[in-house]
Amino acid sequence: PDVGEFKRGIFILDVTAAAADAGDLLKVWIQTRVAGNWLDIGKFTEHAGTAAVSKHVLRVQTELTTTAEELIQDAAVAAGAFNGPWGDALALKYSVTDGSSDGDAVFTFTCYGHLQS
C-alpha cells in the first residue's frame, strides 16, 4: 500500500546482540521512495559494538518539509534527526563498520514501525 497518506510514524530499532569490539558500529536509516529514488528521512542513534543491547526510537513527521527536493539524501541525515515528506514506500538501510578489521562485526536487530494518518 502507498504510505504517502500517512502523516507520522514511530520506528523502533531493537538491537538484540552486538559485536564485541569498541570500534564496531551499526548505523540504521529509514528511507522513502520519491519518484523512483530512495531518500533518507530518519537515522537512529548509532549503536557501538560494546554497547548493551537496547531499543532505539525514532519519530518521523511529514509536516517538516514540503517538497522532495528538501530531503536530506545519501546518509547525510544526522542521528536522531528526521526529514519529510515521505513518498509511496518505506525501506530500511543499514551499514556495519568493522572497527578493528578482524571480521567479527556482527549485530542482530529488528526494526518495526507504526504509521499514523
PDB file of N, CA and C in Angstrom:
ATOM      1  N   PRO A   1       0.832  -1.206   0.000  1.00  0.00           N
ATOM      2  CA  PRO A   1       0.000   0.000   0.000  1.00  0.00           C
ATOM      3  C   PRO A   1       0.867   1.257   0.000  1.00  0.00           C
ATOM      4  N   ASP A   2       0.336   2.300  -0.567  1.00  0.00           N
ATOM      5  CA  ASP A   2       1.017   3.588  -0.620  1.00  0.00           C
ATOM      6  C   ASP A   2       1.059   4.201   0.777  1.00  0.00           C
ATOM      7  N   VAL A   3       2.248   4.525   1.262  1.00  0.00           N
ATOM      8  CA  VAL A   3       2.367   5.097   2.601  1.00  0.00           C
ATOM      9  C   VAL A   3       2.273   6.616   2.594  1.00  0.00           C
ATOM     10  N   GLY A   4       2.124   7.214   1.419  1.00  0.00           N
ATOM     11  CA  GLY A   4       2.067   8.665   1.312  1.00  0.00           C
ATOM     12  C   GLY A   4       0.906   9.301   2.035  1.00  0.00           C
ATOM     13  N   GLU A   5      -0.136   8.520   2.333  1.00  0.00           N
ATOM     14  CA  GLU A   5      -1.307   9.068   3.027  1.00  0.00           C
ATOM     15  C   GLU A   5      -1.060   9.275   4.520  1.00  0.00           C
ATOM     16  N   PHE A   6       0.006   8.711   5.065  1.00  0.00           N
ATOM     17  CA  PHE A   6       0.283   8.818   6.491  1.00  0.00           C
ATOM     18  C   PHE A   6       1.054  10.097   6.804  1.00  0.00           C
ATOM     19  N   LYS A   7       0.831  10.645   7.989  1.00  0.00           N
ATOM     20  CA  LYS A   7       1.443  11.914   8.379  1.00  0.00           C
ATOM     21  C   LYS A   7       2.633  11.756   9.318  1.00  0.00           C
ATOM     22  N   ARG A   8       2.683  10.646  10.064  1.00  0.00           N
ATOM     23  CA  ARG A   8       3.778  10.458  11.022  1.00  0.00           C
ATOM     24  C   ARG A   8       3.969   8.984  11.316  1.00  0.00           C
ATOM     25  N   GLY A   9       5.129   8.679  11.828  1.00  0.00           N
ATOM     26  CA  GLY A   9       5.423   7.299  12.177  1.00  0.00           C
ATOM     27  C   GLY A   9       6.389   7.223  13.344  1.00  0.00           C
ATOM     28  N   ILE A  10       6.303   6.133  14.070  1.00  0.00           N
ATOM     29  CA  ILE A  10       7.249   5.834  15.144  1.00  0.00           C
ATOM     30  C   ILE A  10       7.925   4.526  14.770  1.00  0.00           C
ATOM     31  N   PHE A  11       9.237   4.531  14.738  1.00  0.00           N
ATOM     32  CA  PHE A  11      10.005   3.353  14.362  1.00  0.00           C
ATOM     33  C   PHE A  11      10.875   2.929  15.538  1.00  0.00           C
ATOM     34  N   ILE A  12      10.946   1.641  15.762  1.00  0.00           N
ATOM     35  CA  ILE A  12      11.721   1.083  16.870  1.00  0.00           C
ATOM     36  C   ILE A  12      12.795   0.177  16.295  1.00  0.00           C
ATOM     37  N   LEU A  13      14.032   0.425  16.701  1.00  0.00           N
ATOM     38  CA  LEU A  13      15.166  -0.420  16.352  1.00  0.00           C
ATOM     39  C   LEU A  13      15.521  -1.206  17.608  1.00  0.00           C
ATOM     40  N   ASP A  14      15.356  -2.514  17.553  1.00  0.00           N
ATOM     41  CA  ASP A  14      15.608  -3.388  18.694  1.00  0.00           C
ATOM     42  C   ASP A  14      16.891  -4.171  18.428  1.00  0.00           C
ATOM     43  N   VAL A  15      17.994  -3.749  19.059  1.00  0.00           N
ATOM     44  CA  VAL A  15      19.285  -4.426  18.897  1.00  0.00           C
ATOM     45  C   VAL A  15      19.360  -5.506  19.971  1.00  0.00           C
ATOM     46  N   THR A  16      19.349  -6.769  19.535  1.00  0.00           N
ATOM     47  CA  THR A  16      19.312  -7.893  20.485  1.00  0.00           C
ATOM     48  C   THR A  16      20.678  -8.547  20.691  1.00  0.00           C
ATOM     49  N   ALA A  17      21.643  -8.228  19.845  1.00  0.00           N
ATOM     50  CA  ALA A  17      23.025  -8.708  20.027  1.00  0.00           C
ATOM     51  C   ALA A  17      23.953  -7.732  19.316  1.00  0.00           C
ATOM     52  N   ALA A  18      25.091  -7.451  19.960  1.00  0.00           N
ATOM     53  CA  ALA A  18      26.038  -6.503  19.388  1.00  0.00           C
ATOM     54  C   ALA A  18      27.407  -7.143  19.272  1.00  0.00           C
ATOM     55  N   ALA A  19      28.191  -6.640  18.324  1.00  0.00           N
ATOM     56  CA  ALA A  19      29.563  -7.117  18.136  1.00  0.00           C
ATOM     57  C   ALA A  19      30.393  -6.786  19.378  1.00  0.00           C
ATOM     58  N   ALA A  20      31.554  -7.389  19.506  1.00  0.00           N
ATOM     59  CA  ALA A  20      32.341  -7.277  20.733  1.00  0.00           C
ATOM     60  C   ALA A  20      33.354  -6.140  20.734  1.00  0.00           C
ATOM     61  N   ASP A  21      33.716  -5.609  19.597  1.00  0.00           N
ATOM     62  CA  ASP A  21      34.786  -4.615  19.545  1.00  0.00           C
ATOM     63  C   ASP A  21      34.246  -3.191  19.662  1.00  0.00           C
ATOM     64  N   ALA A  22      35.000  -2.352  20.369  1.00  0.00           N
ATOM     65  CA  ALA A  22      34.574  -0.975  20.605  1.00  0.00           C
ATOM     66  C   ALA A  22      34.390  -0.196  19.303  1.00  0.00           C
ATOM     67  N   GLY A  23      35.200  -0.462  18.299  1.00  0.00           N
ATOM     68  CA  GLY A  23      35.120   0.281  17.045  1.00  0.00           C
ATOM     69  C   GLY A  23      34.044  -0.198  16.090  1.00  0.00           C
ATOM     70  N   ASP A  24      33.400  -1.335  16.399  1.00  0.00           N
ATOM     71  CA  ASP A  24      32.319  -1.834  15.546  1.00  0.00           C
ATOM     72  C   ASP A  24      31.112  -0.924  15.707  1.00  0.00           C
ATOM     73  N   LEU A  25      30.391  -0.699  14.624  1.00  0.00           N
ATOM     74  CA  LEU A  25      29.307   0.280  14.648  1.00  0.00           C
ATOM     75  C   LEU A  25      28.172  -0.139  13.732  1.00  0.00           C
ATOM     76  N   LEU A  26      26.942  -0.026  14.226  1.00  0.00           N
ATOM     77  CA  LEU A  26      25.742  -0.267  13.433  1.00  0.00           C
ATOM     78  C   LEU A  26      25.059   1.073  13.187  1.00  0.00           C
ATOM     79  N   LYS A  27      24.768   1.362  11.914  1.00  0.00           N
ATOM     80  CA  LYS A  27      24.030   2.573  11.531  1.00  0.00           C
ATOM     81  C   LYS A  27      22.786   2.129  10.784  1.00  0.00           C
ATOM     82  N   VAL A  28      21.637   2.712  11.131  1.00  0.00           N
ATOM     83  CA  VAL A  28      20.368   2.325  10.516  1.00  0.00           C
ATOM     84  C   VAL A  28      19.575   3.581  10.152  1.00  0.00           C
ATOM     85  N   TRP A  29      19.071   3.598   8.921  1.00  0.00           N
ATOM     86  CA  TRP A  29      18.267   4.698   8.409  1.00  0.00           C
ATOM     87  C   TRP A  29      16.891   4.199   7.973  1.00  0.00           C
ATOM     88  N   ILE A  30      15.903   5.076   8.045  1.00  0.00           N
ATOM     89  CA  ILE A  30      14.599   4.863   7.415  1.00  0.00           C
ATOM     90  C   ILE A  30      14.636   5.650   6.114  1.00  0.00           C
ATOM     91  N   GLN A  31      14.177   5.009   5.036  1.00  0.00           N
ATOM     92  CA  GLN A  31      14.167   5.662   3.726  1.00  0.00           C
ATOM     93  C   GLN A  31      12.760   5.692   3.160  1.00  0.00           C
ATOM     94  N   THR A  32      12.548   6.594   2.213  1.00  0.00           N
ATOM     95  CA  THR A  32      11.305   6.658   1.462  1.00  0.00           C
ATOM     96  C   THR A  32      11.629   6.717  -0.024  1.00  0.00           C
ATOM     97  N   ARG A  33      10.682   6.258  -0.831  1.00  0.00           N
ATOM     98  CA  ARG A  33      10.864   6.283  -2.284  1.00  0.00           C
ATOM     99  C   ARG A  33      10.052   7.433  -2.866  1.00  0.00           C
ATOM    100  N   VAL A  34      10.746   8.357  -3.515  1.00  0.00           N
ATOM    101  CA  VAL A  34      10.109   9.506  -4.161  1.00  0.00           C
ATOM    102  C   VAL A  34      10.568   9.509  -5.612  1.00  0.00           C
ATOM    103  N   ALA A  35       9.632   9.425  -6.528  1.00  0.00           N
ATOM    104  CA  ALA A  35       9.929   9.439  -7.965  1.00  0.00           C
ATOM    105  C   ALA A  35      10.977   8.383  -8.327  1.00  0.00           C
ATOM    106  N   GLY A  36      10.886   7.204  -7.702  1.00  0.00           N
ATOM    107  CA  GLY A  36      11.789   6.107  -8.012  1.00  0.00           C
ATOM    108  C   GLY A  36      13.134   6.148  -7.314  1.00  0.00           C
ATOM    109  N   ASN A  37      13.391   7.178  -6.516  1.00  0.00           N
ATOM    110  CA  ASN A  37      14.671   7.321  -5.812  1.00  0.00           C
ATOM    111  C   ASN A  37      14.478   7.097  -4.316  1.00  0.00           C
ATOM    112  N   TRP A  38      15.389   6.347  -3.690  1.00  0.00           N
ATOM    113  CA  TRP A  38      15.341   6.114  -2.243  1.00  0.00           C
ATOM    114  C   TRP A  38      16.094   7.227  -1.524  1.00  0.00           C
ATOM    115  N   LEU A  39      15.411   7.894  -0.596  1.00  0.00           N
ATOM    116  CA  LEU A  39      15.961   9.032   0.136  1.00  0.00           C
ATOM    117  C   LEU A  39      15.867   8.773   1.635  1.00  0.00           C
ATOM    118  N   ASP A  40      16.883   9.181   2.384  1.00  0.00           N
ATOM    119  CA  ASP A  40      16.876   9.020   3.839  1.00  0.00           C
ATOM    120  C   ASP A  40      15.943  10.055   4.475  1.00  0.00           C
ATOM    121  N   ILE A  41      15.075   9.605   5.374  1.00  0.00           N
ATOM    122  CA  ILE A  41      14.225  10.539   6.107  1.00  0.00           C
ATOM    123  C   ILE A  41      14.460  10.465   7.609  1.00  0.00           C
ATOM    124  N   GLY A  42      15.190   9.476   8.074  1.00  0.00           N
ATOM    125  CA  GLY A  42      15.477   9.382   9.502  1.00  0.00           C
ATOM    126  C   GLY A  42      16.650   8.462   9.761  1.00  0.00           C
ATOM    127  N   LYS A  43      17.370   8.746  10.838  1.00  0.00           N
ATOM    128  CA  LYS A  43      18.505   7.909  11.217  1.00  0.00           C
ATOM    129  C   LYS A  43      18.443   7.653  12.720  1.00  0.00           C
ATOM    130  N   PHE A  44      18.586   6.387  13.092  1.00  0.00           N
ATOM    131  CA  PHE A  44      18.645   6.032  14.502  1.00  0.00           C
ATOM    132  C   PHE A  44      20.008   6.413  15.072  1.00  0.00           C
ATOM    133  N   THR A  45      20.084   6.563  16.385  1.00  0.00           N
ATOM    134  CA  THR A  45      21.357   6.752  17.055  1.00  0.00           C
ATOM    135  C   THR A  45      22.240   5.551  16.748  1.00  0.00           C
ATOM    136  N   GLU A  46      23.505   5.788  16.448  1.00  0.00           N
ATOM    137  CA  GLU A  46      24.424   4.701  16.106  1.00  0.00           C
ATOM    138  C   GLU A  46      24.653   3.798  17.317  1.00  0.00           C
ATOM    139  N   HIS A  47      24.798   2.495  17.053  1.00  0.00           N
ATOM    140  CA  HIS A  47      24.965   1.511  18.118  1.00  0.00           C
ATOM    141  C   HIS A  47      26.382   0.945  18.054  1.00  0.00           C
ATOM    142  N   ALA A  48      27.164   1.172  19.118  1.00  0.00           N
ATOM    143  CA  ALA A  48      28.548   0.697  19.167  1.00  0.00           C
ATOM    144  C   ALA A  48      28.604  -0.787  19.500  1.00  0.00           C
ATOM    145  N   GLY A  49      29.685  -1.421  19.088  1.00  0.00           N
ATOM    146  CA  GLY A  49      29.853  -2.851  19.300  1.00  0.00           C
ATOM    147  C   GLY A  49      29.894  -3.266  20.754  1.00  0.00           C
ATOM    148  N   THR A  50      30.344  -2.374  21.627  1.00  0.00           N
ATOM    149  CA  THR A  50      30.422  -2.706  23.049  1.00  0.00           C
ATOM    150  C   THR A  50      29.205  -2.242  23.840  1.00  0.00           C
ATOM    151  N   ALA A  51      28.254  -1.597  23.172  1.00  0.00           N
ATOM    152  CA  ALA A  51      27.057  -1.102  23.863  1.00  0.00           C
ATOM    153  C   ALA A  51      26.146  -2.272  24.237  1.00  0.00           C
ATOM    154  N   ALA A  52      25.405  -2.076  25.314  1.00  0.00           N
ATOM    155  CA  ALA A  52      24.439  -3.090  25.738  1.00  0.00           C
ATOM    156  C   ALA A  52      23.319  -3.192  24.711  1.00  0.00           C
ATOM    157  N   VAL A  53      22.673  -4.342  24.651  1.00  0.00           N
ATOM    158  CA  VAL A  53      21.519  -4.464  23.765  1.00  0.00           C
ATOM    159  C   VAL A  53      20.487  -3.445  24.217  1.00  0.00           C
ATOM    160  N   SER A  54      19.766  -2.881  23.259  1.00  0.00           N
ATOM    161  CA  SER A  54      18.828  -1.811  23.599  1.00  0.00           C
ATOM    162  C   SER A  54      17.847  -1.574  22.474  1.00  0.00           C
ATOM    163  N   LYS A  55      16.845  -0.738  22.786  1.00  0.00           N
ATOM    164  CA  LYS A  55      15.871  -0.302  21.789  1.00  0.00           C
ATOM    165  C   LYS A  55      16.055   1.193  21.567  1.00  0.00           C
ATOM    166  N   HIS A  56      15.985   1.584  20.295  1.00  0.00           N
ATOM    167  CA  HIS A  56      16.094   2.988  19.922  1.00  0.00           C
ATOM    168  C   HIS A  56      14.782   3.381  19.255  1.00  0.00           C
ATOM    169  N   VAL A  57      14.308   4.588  19.531  1.00  0.00           N
ATOM    170  CA  VAL A  57      13.040   5.065  18.976  1.00  0.00           C
ATOM    171  C   VAL A  57      13.304   6.278  18.095  1.00  0.00           C
ATOM    172  N   LEU A  58      12.647   6.304  16.939  1.00  0.00           N
ATOM    173  CA  LEU A  58      12.762   7.421  16.010  1.00  0.00           C
ATOM    174  C   LEU A  58      11.365   7.826  15.576  1.00  0.00           C
ATOM    175  N   ARG A  59      11.057   9.104  15.709  1.00  0.00           N
ATOM    176  CA  ARG A  59       9.765   9.632  15.263  1.00  0.00           C
ATOM    177  C   ARG A  59       9.976  10.404  13.968  1.00  0.00           C
ATOM    178  N   VAL A  60       9.095  10.186  13.001  1.00  0.00           N
ATOM    179  CA  VAL A  60       9.183  10.855  11.707  1.00  0.00           C
ATOM    180  C   VAL A  60       7.848  11.527  11.443  1.00  0.00           C
ATOM    181  N   GLN A  61       7.892  12.787  11.008  1.00  0.00           N
ATOM    182  CA  GLN A  61       6.685  13.544  10.670  1.00  0.00           C
ATOM    183  C   GLN A  61       6.814  14.064   9.253  1.00  0.00           C
ATOM    184  N   THR A  62       5.698  14.141   8.544  1.00  0.00           N
ATOM    185  CA  THR A  62       5.758  14.639   7.163  1.00  0.00           C
ATOM    186  C   THR A  62       5.645  16.146   7.086  1.00  0.00           C
ATOM    187  N   GLU A  63       5.237  16.807   8.136  1.00  0.00           N
ATOM    188  CA  GLU A  63       4.995  18.254   8.079  1.00  0.00           C
ATOM    189  C   GLU A  63       6.268  19.088   8.077  1.00  0.00           C
ATOM    190  N   LEU A  64       7.428  18.473   8.228  1.00  0.00           N
ATOM    191  CA  LEU A  64       8.661  19.241   8.396  1.00  0.00           C
ATOM    192  C   LEU A  64       9.109  19.956   7.136  1.00  0.00           C
ATOM    193  N   THR A  65       8.904  19.352   5.975  1.00  0.00           N
ATOM    194  CA  THR A  65       9.269  19.997   4.715  1.00  0.00           C
ATOM    195  C   THR A  65       8.127  19.796   3.737  1.00  0.00           C
ATOM    196  N   THR A  66       8.210  20.460   2.616  1.00  0.00           N
ATOM    197  CA  THR A  66       7.082  20.411   1.693  1.00  0.00           C
ATOM    198  C   THR A  66       7.408  19.807   0.336  1.00  0.00           C
ATOM    199  N   THR A  67       8.669  19.682  -0.029  1.00  0.00           N
ATOM    200  CA  THR A  67       8.989  19.133  -1.341  1.00  0.00           C
ATOM    201  C   THR A  67      10.061  18.055  -1.233  1.00  0.00           C
ATOM    202  N   ALA A  68      10.074  17.157  -2.193  1.00  0.00           N
ATOM    203  CA  ALA A  68      11.062  16.080  -2.205  1.00  0.00           C
ATOM    204  C   ALA A  68      12.486  16.624  -2.327  1.00  0.00           C
ATOM    205  N   GLU A  69      12.647  17.768  -2.967  1.00  0.00           N
ATOM    206  CA  GLU A  69      13.975  18.345  -3.142  1.00  0.00           C
ATOM    207  C   GLU A  69      14.605  18.757  -1.811  1.00  0.00           C
ATOM    208  N   GLU A  70      13.788  18.947  -0.782  1.00  0.00           N
ATOM    209  CA  GLU A  70      14.292  19.375   0.518  1.00  0.00           C
ATOM    210  C   GLU A  70      14.776  18.211   1.376  1.00  0.00           C
ATOM    211  N   LEU A  71      14.583  16.990   0.921  1.00  0.00           N
ATOM    212  CA  LEU A  71      15.010  15.839   1.707  1.00  0.00           C
ATOM    213  C   LEU A  71      16.528  15.753   1.805  1.00  0.00           C
ATOM    214  N   ILE A  72      17.030  15.414   2.988  1.00  0.00           N
ATOM    215  CA  ILE A  72      18.448  15.140   3.149  1.00  0.00           C
ATOM    216  C   ILE A  72      18.691  13.766   2.544  1.00  0.00           C
ATOM    217  N   GLN A  73      19.718  13.629   1.735  1.00  0.00           N
ATOM    218  CA  GLN A  73      19.906  12.393   0.994  1.00  0.00           C
ATOM    219  C   GLN A  73      21.240  11.717   1.301  1.00  0.00           C
ATOM    220  N   ASP A  74      21.330  10.450   0.948  1.00  0.00           N
ATOM    221  CA  ASP A  74      22.569   9.680   0.933  1.00  0.00           C
ATOM    222  C   ASP A  74      23.303   9.684   2.263  1.00  0.00           C
ATOM    223  N   ALA A  75      22.633   9.246   3.309  1.00  0.00           N
ATOM    224  CA  ALA A  75      23.203   9.064   4.644  1.00  0.00           C
ATOM    225  C   ALA A  75      23.653  10.372   5.277  1.00  0.00           C
ATOM    226  N   ALA A  76      23.203  11.497   4.777  1.00  0.00           N
ATOM    227  CA  ALA A  76      23.627  12.781   5.328  1.00  0.00           C
ATOM    228  C   ALA A  76      22.774  13.232   6.508  1.00  0.00           C
ATOM    229  N   VAL A  77      21.656  12.581   6.743  1.00  0.00           N
ATOM    230  CA  VAL A  77      20.787  12.978   7.852  1.00  0.00           C
ATOM    231  C   VAL A  77      21.469  12.619   9.174  1.00  0.00           C
ATOM    232  N   ALA A  78      21.404  13.528  10.134  1.00  0.00           N
ATOM    233  CA  ALA A  78      22.068  13.325  11.422  1.00  0.00           C
ATOM    234  C   ALA A  78      21.329  12.295  12.273  1.00  0.00           C
ATOM    235  N   ALA A  79      22.055  11.639  13.160  1.00  0.00           N
ATOM    236  CA  ALA A  79      21.451  10.648  14.057  1.00  0.00           C
ATOM    237  C   ALA A  79      20.362  11.301  14.892  1.00  0.00           C
ATOM    238  N   GLY A  80      19.242  10.626  15.008  1.00  0.00           N
ATOM    239  CA  GLY A  80      18.132  11.140  15.777  1.00  0.00           C
ATOM    240  C   GLY A  80      17.304  12.173  15.046  1.00  0.00           C
ATOM    241  N   ALA A  81      17.761  12.602  13.880  1.00  0.00           N
ATOM    242  CA  ALA A  81      17.043  13.608  13.100  1.00  0.00           C
ATOM    243  C   ALA A  81      16.059  12.929  12.154  1.00  0.00           C
ATOM    244  N   PHE A  82      15.159  13.714  11.625  1.00  0.00           N
ATOM    245  CA  PHE A  82      14.211  13.192  10.651  1.00  0.00           C
ATOM    246  C   PHE A  82      13.864  14.297   9.675  1.00  0.00           C
ATOM    247  N   ASN A  83      13.358  13.888   8.517  1.00  0.00           N
ATOM    248  CA  ASN A  83      13.039  14.836   7.472  1.00  0.00           C
ATOM    249  C   ASN A  83      11.897  14.253   6.648  1.00  0.00           C
ATOM    250  N   GLY A  84      10.972  15.031   6.197  1.00  0.00           N
ATOM    251  CA  GLY A  84       9.853  14.540   5.415  1.00  0.00           C
ATOM    252  C   GLY A  84       9.603  15.485   4.269  1.00  0.00           C
ATOM    253  N   PRO A  85       8.636  15.285   3.431  1.00  0.00           N
ATOM    254  CA  PRO A  85       7.627  14.233   3.495  1.00  0.00           C
ATOM    255  C   PRO A  85       8.148  12.912   2.957  1.00  0.00           C
ATOM    256  N   TRP A  86       7.387  11.829   3.180  1.00  0.00           N
ATOM    257  CA  TRP A  86       7.807  10.580   2.584  1.00  0.00           C
ATOM    258  C   TRP A  86       6.978  10.282   1.347  1.00  0.00           C
ATOM    259  N   GLY A  87       7.493   9.389   0.537  1.00  0.00           N
ATOM    260  CA  GLY A  87       6.863   9.067  -0.739  1.00  0.00           C
ATOM    261  C   GLY A  87       5.910   7.899  -0.636  1.00  0.00           C
ATOM    262  N   ASP A  88       5.935   7.008  -1.651  1.00  0.00           N
ATOM    263  CA  ASP A  88       4.938   5.935  -1.735  1.00  0.00           C
ATOM    264  C   ASP A  88       5.354   4.648  -1.041  1.00  0.00           C
ATOM    265  N   ALA A  89       6.599   4.548  -0.564  1.00  0.00           N
ATOM    266  CA  ALA A  89       7.061   3.330   0.104  1.00  0.00           C
ATOM    267  C   ALA A  89       8.137   3.682   1.123  1.00  0.00           C
ATOM    268  N   LEU A  90       8.325   2.809   2.103  1.00  0.00           N
ATOM    269  CA  LEU A  90       9.371   2.981   3.109  1.00  0.00           C
ATOM    270  C   LEU A  90      10.294   1.775   3.076  1.00  0.00           C
ATOM    271  N   ALA A  91      11.551   1.983   3.461  1.00  0.00           N
ATOM    272  CA  ALA A  91      12.533   0.901   3.498  1.00  0.00           C
ATOM    273  C   ALA A  91      13.515   1.163   4.633  1.00  0.00           C
ATOM    274  N   LEU A  92      14.287   0.142   4.924  1.00  0.00           N
ATOM    275  CA  LEU A  92      15.328   0.216   5.945  1.00  0.00           C
ATOM    276  C   LEU A  92      16.678   0.074   5.260  1.00  0.00           C
ATOM    277  N   LYS A  93      17.625   0.923   5.625  1.00  0.00           N
ATOM    278  CA  LYS A  93      19.002   0.824   5.115  1.00  0.00           C
ATOM    279  C   LYS A  93      19.913   0.744   6.329  1.00  0.00           C
ATOM    280  N   TYR A  94      20.921  -0.109   6.269  1.00  0.00           N
ATOM    281  CA  TYR A  94      21.855  -0.191   7.385  1.00  0.00           C
ATOM    282  C   TYR A  94      23.269  -0.432   6.885  1.00  0.00           C
ATOM    283  N   SER A  95      24.229  -0.099   7.740  1.00  0.00           N
ATOM    284  CA  SER A  95      25.625  -0.415   7.466  1.00  0.00           C
ATOM    285  C   SER A  95      26.287  -0.860   8.765  1.00  0.00           C
ATOM    286  N   VAL A  96      27.245  -1.761   8.635  1.00  0.00           N
ATOM    287  CA  VAL A  96      28.019  -2.243   9.774  1.00  0.00           C
ATOM    288  C   VAL A  96      29.479  -1.927   9.498  1.00  0.00           C
ATOM    289  N   THR A  97      30.123  -1.269  10.453  1.00  0.00           N
ATOM    290  CA  THR A  97      31.539  -0.957  10.350  1.00  0.00           C
ATOM    291  C   THR A  97      32.317  -1.899  11.262  1.00  0.00           C
ATOM    292  N   ASP A  98      33.332  -2.532  10.716  1.00  0.00           N
ATOM    293  CA  ASP A  98      34.211  -3.407  11.497  1.00  0.00           C
ATOM    294  C   ASP A  98      35.419  -2.569  11.899  1.00  0.00           C
ATOM    295  N   GLY A  99      35.350  -1.958  13.081  1.00  0.00           N
ATOM    296  CA  GLY A  99      36.361  -1.000  13.519  1.00  0.00           C
ATOM    297  C   GLY A  99      37.768  -1.556  13.628  1.00  0.00           C
ATOM    298  N   SER A 100      37.914  -2.817  13.971  1.00  0.00           N
ATOM    299  CA  SER A 100      39.249  -3.390  14.127  1.00  0.00           C
ATOM    300  C   SER A 100      39.657  -4.232  12.917  1.00  0.00           C
ATOM    301  N   SER A 101      38.789  -4.305  11.910  1.00  0.00           N
ATOM    302  CA  SER A 101      39.050  -5.060  10.680  1.00  0.00           C
ATOM    303  C   SER A 101      39.391  -6.524  10.936  1.00  0.00           C
ATOM    304  N   ASP A 102      38.810  -7.093  12.007  1.00  0.00           N
ATOM    305  CA  ASP A 102      39.081  -8.506  12.305  1.00  0.00           C
ATOM    306  C   ASP A 102      37.973  -9.431  11.809  1.00  0.00           C
ATOM    307  N   GLY A 103      36.972  -8.843  11.128  1.00  0.00           N
ATOM    308  CA  GLY A 103      35.930  -9.645  10.506  1.00  0.00           C
ATOM    309  C   GLY A 103      34.845 -10.148  11.427  1.00  0.00           C
ATOM    310  N   ASP A 104      34.787  -9.648  12.669  1.00  0.00           N
ATOM    311  CA  ASP A 104      33.776 -10.167  13.589  1.00  0.00           C
ATOM    312  C   ASP A 104      32.690  -9.150  13.960  1.00  0.00           C
ATOM    313  N   ALA A 105      32.497  -8.127  13.151  1.00  0.00           N
ATOM    314  CA  ALA A 105      31.460  -7.130  13.426  1.00  0.00           C
ATOM    315  C   ALA A 105      30.097  -7.716  13.083  1.00  0.00           C
ATOM    316  N   VAL A 106      29.347  -8.097  14.110  1.00  0.00           N
ATOM    317  CA  VAL A 106      28.042  -8.726  13.911  1.00  0.00           C
ATOM    318  C   VAL A 106      27.031  -8.075  14.848  1.00  0.00           C
ATOM    319  N   PHE A 107      25.904  -7.690  14.289  1.00  0.00           N
ATOM    320  CA  PHE A 107      24.802  -7.146  15.070  1.00  0.00           C
ATOM    321  C   PHE A 107      23.542  -7.913  14.696  1.00  0.00           C
ATOM    322  N   THR A 108      22.692  -8.173  15.667  1.00  0.00           N
ATOM    323  CA  THR A 108      21.385  -8.767  15.409  1.00  0.00           C
ATOM    324  C   THR A 108      20.350  -7.728  15.818  1.00  0.00           C
ATOM    325  N   PHE A 109      19.435  -7.412  14.900  1.00  0.00           N
ATOM    326  CA  PHE A 109      18.447  -6.377  15.207  1.00  0.00           C
ATOM    327  C   PHE A 109      17.176  -6.594  14.421  1.00  0.00           C
ATOM    328  N   THR A 110      16.118  -5.984  14.916  1.00  0.00           N
ATOM    329  CA  THR A 110      14.817  -5.945  14.260  1.00  0.00           C
ATOM    330  C   THR A 110      14.359  -4.493  14.247  1.00  0.00           C
ATOM    331  N   CYS A 111      13.689  -4.088  13.187  1.00  0.00           N
ATOM    332  CA  CYS A 111      13.137  -2.756  13.123  1.00  0.00           C
ATOM    333  C   CYS A 111      11.672  -2.842  12.719  1.00  0.00           C
ATOM    334  N   TYR A 112      10.835  -2.135  13.419  1.00  0.00           N
ATOM    335  CA  TYR A 112       9.418  -2.115  13.073  1.00  0.00           C
ATOM    336  C   TYR A 112       8.869  -0.717  13.303  1.00  0.00           C
ATOM    337  N   GLY A 113       7.736  -0.442  12.706  1.00  0.00           N
ATOM    338  CA  GLY A 113       7.168   0.899  12.818  1.00  0.00           C
ATOM    339  C   GLY A 113       5.666   0.895  12.884  1.00  0.00           C
ATOM    340  N   HIS A 114       5.149   2.013  13.351  1.00  0.00           N
ATOM    341  CA  HIS A 114       3.713   2.247  13.424  1.00  0.00           C
ATOM    342  C   HIS A 114       3.436   3.574  12.719  1.00  0.00           C
ATOM    343  N   LEU A 115       2.577   3.549  11.711  1.00  0.00           N
ATOM    344  CA  LEU A 115       2.244   4.753  10.953  1.00  0.00           C
ATOM    345  C   LEU A 115       0.894   5.289  11.386  1.00  0.00           C
ATOM    346  N   GLN A 116       0.785   6.631  11.363  1.00  0.00           N
ATOM    347  CA  GLN A 116      -0.473   7.289  11.728  1.00  0.00           C
ATOM    348  C   GLN A 116      -0.839   8.308  10.659  1.00  0.00           C
ATOM    349  N   SER A 117      -2.137   8.411  10.403  1.00  0.00           N
ATOM    350  CA  SER A 117      -2.579   9.406   9.410  1.00  0.00           C
ATOM    351  C   SER A 117      -2.975  10.690  10.081  1.00  0.00           C
TER     352      SER A 117
END
